[in-house]
PDB file of N, CA and C in Angstrom:
ATOM      1  N   MET A   1      20.495  12.476  10.273  1.00  0.00           N
ATOM      2  CA  MET A   1      20.731  13.276   9.107  1.00  0.00           C
ATOM      3  C   MET A   1      22.221  13.539   9.001  1.00  0.00           C
ATOM      4  N   SER A   2      22.779  13.361   7.838  1.00  0.00           N
ATOM      5  CA  SER A   2      24.210  13.553   7.672  1.00  0.00           C
ATOM      6  C   SER A   2      24.552  15.033   7.651  1.00  0.00           C
ATOM      7  N   GLN A   3      25.741  15.349   8.156  1.00  0.00           N
ATOM      8  CA  GLN A   3      26.189  16.727   8.151  1.00  0.00           C
ATOM      9  C   GLN A   3      26.913  16.998   6.845  1.00  0.00           C
ATOM     10  N   ARG A   4      26.727  18.186   6.335  1.00  0.00           N
ATOM     11  CA  ARG A   4      27.403  18.576   5.102  1.00  0.00           C
ATOM     12  C   ARG A   4      28.828  18.972   5.402  1.00  0.00           C
ATOM     13  N   GLN A   5      29.689  18.600   4.512  1.00  0.00           N
ATOM     14  CA  GLN A   5      31.079  19.007   4.617  1.00  0.00           C
ATOM     15  C   GLN A   5      31.254  20.281   3.802  1.00  0.00           C
ATOM     16  N   PRO A   6      32.073  21.209   4.284  1.00  0.00           N
ATOM     17  CA  PRO A   6      32.289  22.444   3.527  1.00  0.00           C
ATOM     18  C   PRO A   6      32.760  22.127   2.109  1.00  0.00           C
ATOM     19  N   GLY A   7      32.169  22.811   1.156  1.00  0.00           N
ATOM     20  CA  GLY A   7      32.579  22.629  -0.232  1.00  0.00           C
ATOM     21  C   GLY A   7      31.919  21.452  -0.920  1.00  0.00           C
ATOM     22  N   LYS A   8      31.184  20.617  -0.189  1.00  0.00           N
ATOM     23  CA  LYS A   8      30.522  19.457  -0.776  1.00  0.00           C
ATOM     24  C   LYS A   8      29.046  19.780  -0.964  1.00  0.00           C
ATOM     25  N   VAL A   9      28.574  19.682  -2.184  1.00  0.00           N
ATOM     26  CA  VAL A   9      27.191  19.996  -2.490  1.00  0.00           C
ATOM     27  C   VAL A   9      26.376  18.706  -2.443  1.00  0.00           C
ATOM     28  N   GLN A  10      25.279  18.753  -1.698  1.00  0.00           N
ATOM     29  CA  GLN A  10      24.405  17.583  -1.601  1.00  0.00           C
ATOM     30  C   GLN A  10      23.441  17.617  -2.782  1.00  0.00           C
ATOM     31  N   SER A  11      23.192  16.464  -3.352  1.00  0.00           N
ATOM     32  CA  SER A  11      22.303  16.411  -4.512  1.00  0.00           C
ATOM     33  C   SER A  11      20.873  16.772  -4.117  1.00  0.00           C
ATOM     34  N   ILE A  12      20.145  17.308  -5.079  1.00  0.00           N
ATOM     35  CA  ILE A  12      18.730  17.644  -4.862  1.00  0.00           C
ATOM     36  C   ILE A  12      17.962  16.379  -4.508  1.00  0.00           C
ATOM     37  N   LYS A  13      18.266  15.286  -5.204  1.00  0.00           N
ATOM     38  CA  LYS A  13      17.577  14.013  -4.968  1.00  0.00           C
ATOM     39  C   LYS A  13      17.765  13.560  -3.517  1.00  0.00           C
ATOM     40  N   GLY A  14      18.995  13.637  -3.024  1.00  0.00           N
ATOM     41  CA  GLY A  14      19.278  13.234  -1.646  1.00  0.00           C
ATOM     42  C   GLY A  14      18.586  14.123  -0.632  1.00  0.00           C
ATOM     43  N   THR A  15      18.599  15.418  -0.894  1.00  0.00           N
ATOM     44  CA  THR A  15      17.944  16.367  -0.001  1.00  0.00           C
ATOM     45  C   THR A  15      16.442  16.132   0.025  1.00  0.00           C
ATOM     46  N   LEU A  16      15.857  15.932  -1.146  1.00  0.00           N
ATOM     47  CA  LEU A  16      14.421  15.693  -1.244  1.00  0.00           C
ATOM     48  C   LEU A  16      14.030  14.397  -0.534  1.00  0.00           C
ATOM     49  N   ALA A  17      14.828  13.354  -0.703  1.00  0.00           N
ATOM     50  CA  ALA A  17      14.543  12.076  -0.038  1.00  0.00           C
ATOM     51  C   ALA A  17      14.577  12.234   1.477  1.00  0.00           C
ATOM     52  N   GLN A  18      15.566  12.966   1.991  1.00  0.00           N
ATOM     53  CA  GLN A  18      15.656  13.194   3.436  1.00  0.00           C
ATOM     54  C   GLN A  18      14.450  13.976   3.943  1.00  0.00           C
ATOM     55  N   LEU A  19      14.050  14.991   3.192  1.00  0.00           N
ATOM     56  CA  LEU A  19      12.894  15.797   3.576  1.00  0.00           C
ATOM     57  C   LEU A  19      11.626  14.961   3.594  1.00  0.00           C
ATOM     58  N   MET A  20      11.470  14.093   2.605  1.00  0.00           N
ATOM     59  CA  MET A  20      10.279  13.236   2.540  1.00  0.00           C
ATOM     60  C   MET A  20      10.211  12.309   3.738  1.00  0.00           C
ATOM     61  N   VAL A  21      11.344  11.753   4.128  1.00  0.00           N
ATOM     62  CA  VAL A  21      11.375  10.859   5.286  1.00  0.00           C
ATOM     63  C   VAL A  21      11.040  11.636   6.552  1.00  0.00           C
ATOM     64  N   GLN A  22      11.651  12.806   6.710  1.00  0.00           N
ATOM     65  CA  GLN A  22      11.404  13.611   7.909  1.00  0.00           C
ATOM     66  C   GLN A  22       9.942  14.014   8.044  1.00  0.00           C
ATOM     67  N   LYS A  23       9.306  14.340   6.948  1.00  0.00           N
ATOM     68  CA  LYS A  23       7.936  14.837   6.979  1.00  0.00           C
ATOM     69  C   LYS A  23       6.884  13.747   6.827  1.00  0.00           C
ATOM     70  N   GLY A  24       7.308  12.508   6.596  1.00  0.00           N
ATOM     71  CA  GLY A  24       6.365  11.407   6.501  1.00  0.00           C
ATOM     72  C   GLY A  24       5.711  11.245   5.139  1.00  0.00           C
ATOM     73  N   TYR A  25       6.189  11.965   4.132  1.00  0.00           N
ATOM     74  CA  TYR A  25       5.593  11.875   2.804  1.00  0.00           C
ATOM     75  C   TYR A  25       5.768  10.498   2.182  1.00  0.00           C
ATOM     76  N   ALA A  26       6.846   9.834   2.507  1.00  0.00           N
ATOM     77  CA  ALA A  26       7.094   8.505   1.937  1.00  0.00           C
ATOM     78  C   ALA A  26       5.988   7.541   2.351  1.00  0.00           C
ATOM     79  N   GLN A  27       5.531   7.640   3.591  1.00  0.00           N
ATOM     80  CA  GLN A  27       4.450   6.762   4.050  1.00  0.00           C
ATOM     81  C   GLN A  27       3.152   7.074   3.331  1.00  0.00           C
ATOM     82  N   VAL A  28       2.888   8.342   3.102  1.00  0.00           N
ATOM     83  CA  VAL A  28       1.672   8.731   2.393  1.00  0.00           C
ATOM     84  C   VAL A  28       1.717   8.216   0.965  1.00  0.00           C
ATOM     85  N   GLN A  29       2.867   8.362   0.318  1.00  0.00           N
ATOM     86  CA  GLN A  29       3.009   7.864  -1.047  1.00  0.00           C
ATOM     87  C   GLN A  29       2.831   6.356  -1.103  1.00  0.00           C
ATOM     88  N   THR A  30       3.383   5.644  -0.129  1.00  0.00           N
ATOM     89  CA  THR A  30       3.245   4.194  -0.087  1.00  0.00           C
ATOM     90  C   THR A  30       1.784   3.807   0.106  1.00  0.00           C
ATOM     91  N   ALA A  31       1.081   4.492   0.991  1.00  0.00           N
ATOM     92  CA  ALA A  31      -0.339   4.208   1.219  1.00  0.00           C
ATOM     93  C   ALA A  31      -1.152   4.475  -0.043  1.00  0.00           C
ATOM     94  N   ASP A  32      -0.855   5.566  -0.726  1.00  0.00           N
ATOM     95  CA  ASP A  32      -1.562   5.886  -1.970  1.00  0.00           C
ATOM     96  C   ASP A  32      -1.295   4.834  -3.033  1.00  0.00           C
ATOM     97  N   ALA A  33      -0.043   4.419  -3.155  1.00  0.00           N
ATOM     98  CA  ALA A  33       0.315   3.401  -4.151  1.00  0.00           C
ATOM     99  C   ALA A  33      -0.372   2.078  -3.834  1.00  0.00           C
ATOM    100  N   THR A  34      -0.420   1.730  -2.552  1.00  0.00           N
ATOM    101  CA  THR A  34      -1.070   0.488  -2.142  1.00  0.00           C
ATOM    102  C   THR A  34      -2.558   0.539  -2.454  1.00  0.00           C
ATOM    103  N   GLN A  35      -3.207   1.668  -2.161  1.00  0.00           N
ATOM    104  CA  GLN A  35      -4.637   1.793  -2.427  1.00  0.00           C
ATOM    105  C   GLN A  35      -4.915   1.725  -3.930  1.00  0.00           C
ATOM    106  N   LYS A  36      -4.114   2.391  -4.733  1.00  0.00           N
ATOM    107  CA  LYS A  36      -4.313   2.356  -6.185  1.00  0.00           C
ATOM    108  C   LYS A  36      -4.135   0.937  -6.721  1.00  0.00           C
ATOM    109  N   ALA A  37      -3.119   0.244  -6.221  1.00  0.00           N
ATOM    110  CA  ALA A  37      -2.880  -1.138  -6.644  1.00  0.00           C
ATOM    111  C   ALA A  37      -4.047  -2.029  -6.216  1.00  0.00           C
ATOM    112  N   TRP A  38      -4.548  -1.804  -5.001  1.00  0.00           N
ATOM    113  CA  TRP A  38      -5.697  -2.577  -4.508  1.00  0.00           C
ATOM    114  C   TRP A  38      -6.907  -2.350  -5.403  1.00  0.00           C
ATOM    115  N   ASP A  39      -7.192  -1.092  -5.715  1.00  0.00           N
ATOM    116  CA  ASP A  39      -8.349  -0.757  -6.544  1.00  0.00           C
ATOM    117  C   ASP A  39      -8.282  -1.478  -7.889  1.00  0.00           C
ATOM    118  N   LEU A  40      -7.100  -1.511  -8.478  1.00  0.00           N
ATOM    119  CA  LEU A  40      -6.924  -2.181  -9.765  1.00  0.00           C
ATOM    120  C   LEU A  40      -7.038  -3.698  -9.617  1.00  0.00           C
ATOM    121  N   ALA A  41      -6.399  -4.250  -8.586  1.00  0.00           N
ATOM    122  CA  ALA A  41      -6.391  -5.707  -8.387  1.00  0.00           C
ATOM    123  C   ALA A  41      -7.780  -6.242  -8.027  1.00  0.00           C
ATOM    124  N   ALA A  42      -8.499  -5.524  -7.180  1.00  0.00           N
ATOM    125  CA  ALA A  42      -9.804  -5.990  -6.710  1.00  0.00           C
ATOM    126  C   ALA A  42     -10.901  -5.751  -7.741  1.00  0.00           C
ATOM    127  N   GLY A  43     -10.713  -4.751  -8.566  1.00  0.00           N
ATOM    128  CA  GLY A  43     -11.753  -4.404  -9.527  1.00  0.00           C
ATOM    129  C   GLY A  43     -12.713  -3.401  -8.922  1.00  0.00           C
ATOM    130  N   GLU A  44     -13.390  -2.678  -9.771  1.00  0.00           N
ATOM    131  CA  GLU A  44     -14.240  -1.563  -9.342  1.00  0.00           C
ATOM    132  C   GLU A  44     -15.307  -1.978  -8.328  1.00  0.00           C
ATOM    133  N   ARG A  45     -15.955  -3.091  -8.574  1.00  0.00           N
ATOM    134  CA  ARG A  45     -17.069  -3.537  -7.713  1.00  0.00           C
ATOM    135  C   ARG A  45     -16.615  -3.799  -6.274  1.00  0.00           C
ATOM    136  N   LEU A  46     -15.499  -4.497  -6.110  1.00  0.00           N
ATOM    137  CA  LEU A  46     -14.999  -4.794  -4.762  1.00  0.00           C
ATOM    138  C   LEU A  46     -14.288  -3.595  -4.152  1.00  0.00           C
ATOM    139  N   ALA A  47     -13.566  -2.845  -4.978  1.00  0.00           N
ATOM    140  CA  ALA A  47     -12.794  -1.708  -4.477  1.00  0.00           C
ATOM    141  C   ALA A  47     -13.676  -0.626  -3.870  1.00  0.00           C
ATOM    142  N   GLU A  48     -14.871  -0.468  -4.407  1.00  0.00           N
ATOM    143  CA  GLU A  48     -15.734   0.586  -3.869  1.00  0.00           C
ATOM    144  C   GLU A  48     -16.274   0.245  -2.474  1.00  0.00           C
ATOM    145  N   HIS A  49     -16.124  -1.000  -2.049  1.00  0.00           N
ATOM    146  CA  HIS A  49     -16.596  -1.434  -0.731  1.00  0.00           C
ATOM    147  C   HIS A  49     -15.449  -1.904   0.167  1.00  0.00           C
ATOM    148  N   SER A  50     -14.222  -1.482  -0.164  1.00  0.00           N
ATOM    149  CA  SER A  50     -13.066  -1.929   0.613  1.00  0.00           C
ATOM    150  C   SER A  50     -11.955  -0.880   0.573  1.00  0.00           C
ATOM    151  N   VAL A  51     -11.061  -0.972   1.559  1.00  0.00           N
ATOM    152  CA  VAL A  51      -9.932  -0.049   1.664  1.00  0.00           C
ATOM    153  C   VAL A  51      -8.691  -0.849   2.042  1.00  0.00           C
ATOM    154  N   ALA A  52      -7.600  -0.601   1.310  1.00  0.00           N
ATOM    155  CA  ALA A  52      -6.336  -1.252   1.621  1.00  0.00           C
ATOM    156  C   ALA A  52      -5.669  -0.542   2.788  1.00  0.00           C
ATOM    157  N   GLY A  53      -5.083  -1.332   3.672  1.00  0.00           N
ATOM    158  CA  GLY A  53      -4.372  -0.773   4.819  1.00  0.00           C
ATOM    159  C   GLY A  53      -2.882  -0.998   4.699  1.00  0.00           C
ATOM    160  N   ASN A  54      -2.247  -1.271   5.812  1.00  0.00           N
ATOM    161  CA  ASN A  54      -0.803  -1.479   5.862  1.00  0.00           C
ATOM    162  C   ASN A  54      -0.425  -2.917   5.514  1.00  0.00           C
ATOM    163  N   VAL A  55       0.820  -3.070   5.104  1.00  0.00           N
ATOM    164  CA  VAL A  55       1.396  -4.390   4.885  1.00  0.00           C
ATOM    165  C   VAL A  55       2.306  -4.682   6.073  1.00  0.00           C
ATOM    166  N   GLN A  56       2.023  -5.771   6.775  1.00  0.00           N
ATOM    167  CA  GLN A  56       2.856  -6.196   7.896  1.00  0.00           C
ATOM    168  C   GLN A  56       3.241  -7.647   7.697  1.00  0.00           C
ATOM    169  N   ARG A  57       4.541  -7.892   7.680  1.00  0.00           N
ATOM    170  CA  ARG A  57       5.079  -9.255   7.490  1.00  0.00           C
ATOM    171  C   ARG A  57       4.479  -9.931   6.263  1.00  0.00           C
ATOM    172  N   GLY A  58       4.327  -9.164   5.195  1.00  0.00           N
ATOM    173  CA  GLY A  58       3.839  -9.720   3.939  1.00  0.00           C
ATOM    174  C   GLY A  58       2.331  -9.828   3.810  1.00  0.00           C
ATOM    175  N   THR A  59       1.601  -9.408   4.832  1.00  0.00           N
ATOM    176  CA  THR A  59       0.144  -9.501   4.802  1.00  0.00           C
ATOM    177  C   THR A  59      -0.477  -8.116   4.679  1.00  0.00           C
ATOM    178  N   LEU A  60      -1.282  -7.944   3.637  1.00  0.00           N
ATOM    179  CA  LEU A  60      -1.992  -6.681   3.429  1.00  0.00           C
ATOM    180  C   LEU A  60      -3.318  -6.736   4.165  1.00  0.00           C
ATOM    181  N   LEU A  61      -3.542  -5.772   5.043  1.00  0.00           N
ATOM    182  CA  LEU A  61      -4.820  -5.652   5.748  1.00  0.00           C
ATOM    183  C   LEU A  61      -5.805  -4.943   4.837  1.00  0.00           C
ATOM    184  N   VAL A  62      -6.984  -5.530   4.674  1.00  0.00           N
ATOM    185  CA  VAL A  62      -8.029  -4.939   3.845  1.00  0.00           C
ATOM    186  C   VAL A  62      -9.295  -4.828   4.685  1.00  0.00           C
ATOM    187  N   MET A  63      -9.795  -3.611   4.810  1.00  0.00           N
ATOM    188  CA  MET A  63     -11.060  -3.384   5.514  1.00  0.00           C
ATOM    189  C   MET A  63     -12.178  -3.449   4.480  1.00  0.00           C
ATOM    190  N   VAL A  64     -13.240  -4.163   4.816  1.00  0.00           N
ATOM    191  CA  VAL A  64     -14.371  -4.305   3.898  1.00  0.00           C
ATOM    192  C   VAL A  64     -15.658  -3.891   4.599  1.00  0.00           C
ATOM    193  N   ALA A  65     -16.644  -3.498   3.794  1.00  0.00           N
ATOM    194  CA  ALA A  65     -17.898  -2.973   4.334  1.00  0.00           C
ATOM    195  C   ALA A  65     -18.773  -4.040   4.969  1.00  0.00           C
ATOM    196  N   ASN A  66     -18.702  -5.277   4.455  1.00  0.00           N
ATOM    197  CA  ASN A  66     -19.575  -6.334   4.993  1.00  0.00           C
ATOM    198  C   ASN A  66     -19.008  -7.713   4.652  1.00  0.00           C
ATOM    199  N   SER A  67     -19.626  -8.732   5.214  1.00  0.00           N
ATOM    200  CA  SER A  67     -19.132 -10.098   5.042  1.00  0.00           C
ATOM    201  C   SER A  67     -19.300 -10.616   3.616  1.00  0.00           C
ATOM    202  N   THR A  68     -20.257 -10.083   2.882  1.00  0.00           N
ATOM    203  CA  THR A  68     -20.431 -10.498   1.488  1.00  0.00           C
ATOM    204  C   THR A  68     -19.214 -10.092   0.665  1.00  0.00           C
ATOM    205  N   ILE A  69     -18.725  -8.872   0.863  1.00  0.00           N
ATOM    206  CA  ILE A  69     -17.537  -8.398   0.155  1.00  0.00           C
ATOM    207  C   ILE A  69     -16.330  -9.225   0.579  1.00  0.00           C
ATOM    208  N   SER A  70     -16.251  -9.532   1.856  1.00  0.00           N
ATOM    209  CA  SER A  70     -15.155 -10.367   2.361  1.00  0.00           C
ATOM    210  C   SER A  70     -15.129 -11.714   1.646  1.00  0.00           C
ATOM    211  N   GLN A  71     -16.272 -12.326   1.514  1.00  0.00           N
ATOM    212  CA  GLN A  71     -16.363 -13.625   0.857  1.00  0.00           C
ATOM    213  C   GLN A  71     -16.010 -13.512  -0.630  1.00  0.00           C
ATOM    214  N   MET A  72     -16.458 -12.458  -1.281  1.00  0.00           N
ATOM    215  CA  MET A  72     -16.152 -12.267  -2.700  1.00  0.00           C
ATOM    216  C   MET A  72     -14.643 -12.100  -2.915  1.00  0.00           C
ATOM    217  N   ILE A  73     -13.984 -11.374  -1.999  1.00  0.00           N
ATOM    218  CA  ILE A  73     -12.530 -11.210  -2.089  1.00  0.00           C
ATOM    219  C   ILE A  73     -11.848 -12.552  -1.870  1.00  0.00           C
ATOM    220  N   SER A  74     -12.340 -13.330  -0.924  1.00  0.00           N
ATOM    221  CA  SER A  74     -11.756 -14.649  -0.655  1.00  0.00           C
ATOM    222  C   SER A  74     -11.802 -15.554  -1.888  1.00  0.00           C
ATOM    223  N   PHE A  75     -12.892 -15.478  -2.643  1.00  0.00           N
ATOM    224  CA  PHE A  75     -13.023 -16.289  -3.848  1.00  0.00           C
ATOM    225  C   PHE A  75     -11.996 -15.890  -4.910  1.00  0.00           C
ATOM    226  N   GLN A  76     -11.598 -14.611  -4.914  1.00  0.00           N
ATOM    227  CA  GLN A  76     -10.671 -14.107  -5.922  1.00  0.00           C
ATOM    228  C   GLN A  76      -9.271 -13.848  -5.368  1.00  0.00           C
ATOM    229  N   LYS A  77      -9.000 -14.360  -4.197  1.00  0.00           N
ATOM    230  CA  LYS A  77      -7.769 -14.049  -3.473  1.00  0.00           C
ATOM    231  C   LYS A  77      -6.502 -14.286  -4.294  1.00  0.00           C
ATOM    232  N   LEU A  78      -6.385 -15.432  -4.931  1.00  0.00           N
ATOM    233  CA  LEU A  78      -5.162 -15.735  -5.675  1.00  0.00           C
ATOM    234  C   LEU A  78      -4.940 -14.759  -6.824  1.00  0.00           C
ATOM    235  N   LYS A  79      -6.008 -14.443  -7.544  1.00  0.00           N
ATOM    236  CA  LYS A  79      -5.914 -13.495  -8.660  1.00  0.00           C
ATOM    237  C   LYS A  79      -5.530 -12.105  -8.139  1.00  0.00           C
ATOM    238  N   ILE A  80      -6.137 -11.692  -7.054  1.00  0.00           N
ATOM    239  CA  ILE A  80      -5.848 -10.377  -6.463  1.00  0.00           C
ATOM    240  C   ILE A  80      -4.400 -10.321  -5.980  1.00  0.00           C
ATOM    241  N   LEU A  81      -3.966 -11.368  -5.296  1.00  0.00           N
ATOM    242  CA  LEU A  81      -2.578 -11.409  -4.804  1.00  0.00           C
ATOM    243  C   LEU A  81      -1.580 -11.312  -5.950  1.00  0.00           C
ATOM    244  N   LYS A  82      -1.829 -12.039  -7.015  1.00  0.00           N
ATOM    245  CA  LYS A  82      -0.916 -12.015  -8.164  1.00  0.00           C
ATOM    246  C   LYS A  82      -0.814 -10.600  -8.729  1.00  0.00           C
ATOM    247  N   SER A  83      -1.943  -9.930  -8.857  1.00  0.00           N
ATOM    248  CA  SER A  83      -1.956  -8.562  -9.365  1.00  0.00           C
ATOM    249  C   SER A  83      -1.194  -7.618  -8.429  1.00  0.00           C
ATOM    250  N   LEU A  84      -1.417  -7.741  -7.133  1.00  0.00           N
ATOM    251  CA  LEU A  84      -0.722  -6.896  -6.167  1.00  0.00           C
ATOM    252  C   LEU A  84       0.781  -7.133  -6.203  1.00  0.00           C
ATOM    253  N   GLN A  85       1.188  -8.387  -6.322  1.00  0.00           N
ATOM    254  CA  GLN A  85       2.609  -8.718  -6.381  1.00  0.00           C
ATOM    255  C   GLN A  85       3.268  -8.145  -7.630  1.00  0.00           C
ATOM    256  N   GLU A  86       2.545  -8.132  -8.733  1.00  0.00           N
ATOM    257  CA  GLU A  86       3.076  -7.557  -9.971  1.00  0.00           C
ATOM    258  C   GLU A  86       3.174  -6.037  -9.876  1.00  0.00           C
ATOM    259  N   GLN A  87       2.176  -5.408  -9.278  1.00  0.00           N
ATOM    260  CA  GLN A  87       2.154  -3.951  -9.178  1.00  0.00           C
ATOM    261  C   GLN A  87       3.080  -3.397  -8.103  1.00  0.00           C
ATOM    262  N   LEU A  88       3.220  -4.144  -7.003  1.00  0.00           N
ATOM    263  CA  LEU A  88       3.999  -3.683  -5.850  1.00  0.00           C
ATOM    264  C   LEU A  88       5.051  -4.712  -5.446  1.00  0.00           C
ATOM    265  N   PRO A  89       6.007  -5.008  -6.317  1.00  0.00           N
ATOM    266  CA  PRO A  89       6.975  -6.065  -5.999  1.00  0.00           C
ATOM    267  C   PRO A  89       7.814  -5.790  -4.751  1.00  0.00           C
ATOM    268  N   ASP A  90       8.060  -4.521  -4.427  1.00  0.00           N
ATOM    269  CA  ASP A  90       8.868  -4.167  -3.263  1.00  0.00           C
ATOM    270  C   ASP A  90       8.124  -4.302  -1.937  1.00  0.00           C
ATOM    271  N   HIS A  91       6.816  -4.470  -1.986  1.00  0.00           N
ATOM    272  CA  HIS A  91       6.023  -4.589  -0.760  1.00  0.00           C
ATOM    273  C   HIS A  91       6.044  -5.997  -0.171  1.00  0.00           C
ATOM    274  N   GLY A  92       6.378  -6.993  -0.966  1.00  0.00           N
ATOM    275  CA  GLY A  92       6.459  -8.369  -0.473  1.00  0.00           C
ATOM    276  C   GLY A  92       5.126  -8.936  -0.009  1.00  0.00           C
ATOM    277  N   ILE A  93       4.039  -8.593  -0.692  1.00  0.00           N
ATOM    278  CA  ILE A  93       2.706  -9.055  -0.281  1.00  0.00           C
ATOM    279  C   ILE A  93       2.528 -10.527  -0.646  1.00  0.00           C
ATOM    280  N   THR A  94       2.246 -11.353   0.367  1.00  0.00           N
ATOM    281  CA  THR A  94       2.053 -12.785   0.153  1.00  0.00           C
ATOM    282  C   THR A  94       0.686 -13.273   0.628  1.00  0.00           C
ATOM    283  N   ASP A  95      -0.041 -12.396   1.346  1.00  0.00           N
ATOM    284  CA  ASP A  95      -1.332 -12.818   1.887  1.00  0.00           C
ATOM    285  C   ASP A  95      -2.218 -11.587   2.117  1.00  0.00           C
ATOM    286  N   LEU A  96      -3.496 -11.847   2.298  1.00  0.00           N
ATOM    287  CA  LEU A  96      -4.465 -10.806   2.618  1.00  0.00           C
ATOM    288  C   LEU A  96      -5.118 -11.137   3.950  1.00  0.00           C
ATOM    289  N   LYS A  97      -5.340 -10.125   4.757  1.00  0.00           N
ATOM    290  CA  LYS A  97      -6.127 -10.274   5.985  1.00  0.00           C
ATOM    291  C   LYS A  97      -7.331  -9.365   5.812  1.00  0.00           C
ATOM    292  N   ILE A  98      -8.494  -9.957   5.784  1.00  0.00           N
ATOM    293  CA  ILE A  98      -9.716  -9.204   5.517  1.00  0.00           C
ATOM    294  C   ILE A  98     -10.487  -9.010   6.822  1.00  0.00           C
ATOM    295  N   LYS A  99     -10.832  -7.762   7.099  1.00  0.00           N
ATOM    296  CA  LYS A  99     -11.597  -7.443   8.299  1.00  0.00           C
ATOM    297  C   LYS A  99     -12.814  -6.620   7.903  1.00  0.00           C
ATOM    298  N   VAL A 100     -13.951  -6.963   8.505  1.00  0.00           N
ATOM    299  CA  VAL A 100     -15.174  -6.215   8.274  1.00  0.00           C
ATOM    300  C   VAL A 100     -15.198  -5.027   9.229  1.00  0.00           C
ATOM    301  N   GLY A 101     -15.499  -3.862   8.692  1.00  0.00           N
ATOM    302  CA  GLY A 101     -15.552  -2.666   9.514  1.00  0.00           C
ATOM    303  C   GLY A 101     -15.944  -1.456   8.693  1.00  0.00           C
ATOM    304  N   ARG A 102     -15.806  -0.284   9.291  1.00  0.00           N
ATOM    305  CA  ARG A 102     -16.132   0.959   8.594  1.00  0.00           C
ATOM    306  C   ARG A 102     -15.038   1.294   7.596  1.00  0.00           C
ATOM    307  N   ILE A 103     -15.433   1.718   6.417  1.00  0.00           N
ATOM    308  CA  ILE A 103     -14.443   2.038   5.397  1.00  0.00           C
ATOM    309  C   ILE A 103     -14.474   3.506   4.970  1.00  0.00           C
ATOM    310  N   ASP A 104     -15.273   4.331   5.614  1.00  0.00           N
ATOM    311  CA  ASP A 104     -15.356   5.733   5.202  1.00  0.00           C
ATOM    312  C   ASP A 104     -14.251   6.517   5.762  1.00  0.00           C
TER     313      ASP A 104
END
């Protein structure tokens, strides 16, 4: 964290950004944005049985309720990826990793 110099006023925007980083709000906002983008890209039917996770090295981890949902996502992978890339250009999503597991 930078030290303030006497007589120098730090902008509200800068202070708020530092606070968000310190408290982890930026990660929560990113997770929320990713989930919202996933819900839109996957569509209501698939989104209700899946949860978007983290993006690592350009790959978005998606947890799904069962193998049928996994297969349905695989069939629509290119369309979903294109939508995610348009909605979240700063995330650098280039692939999906689908895992079957609990989504609650």
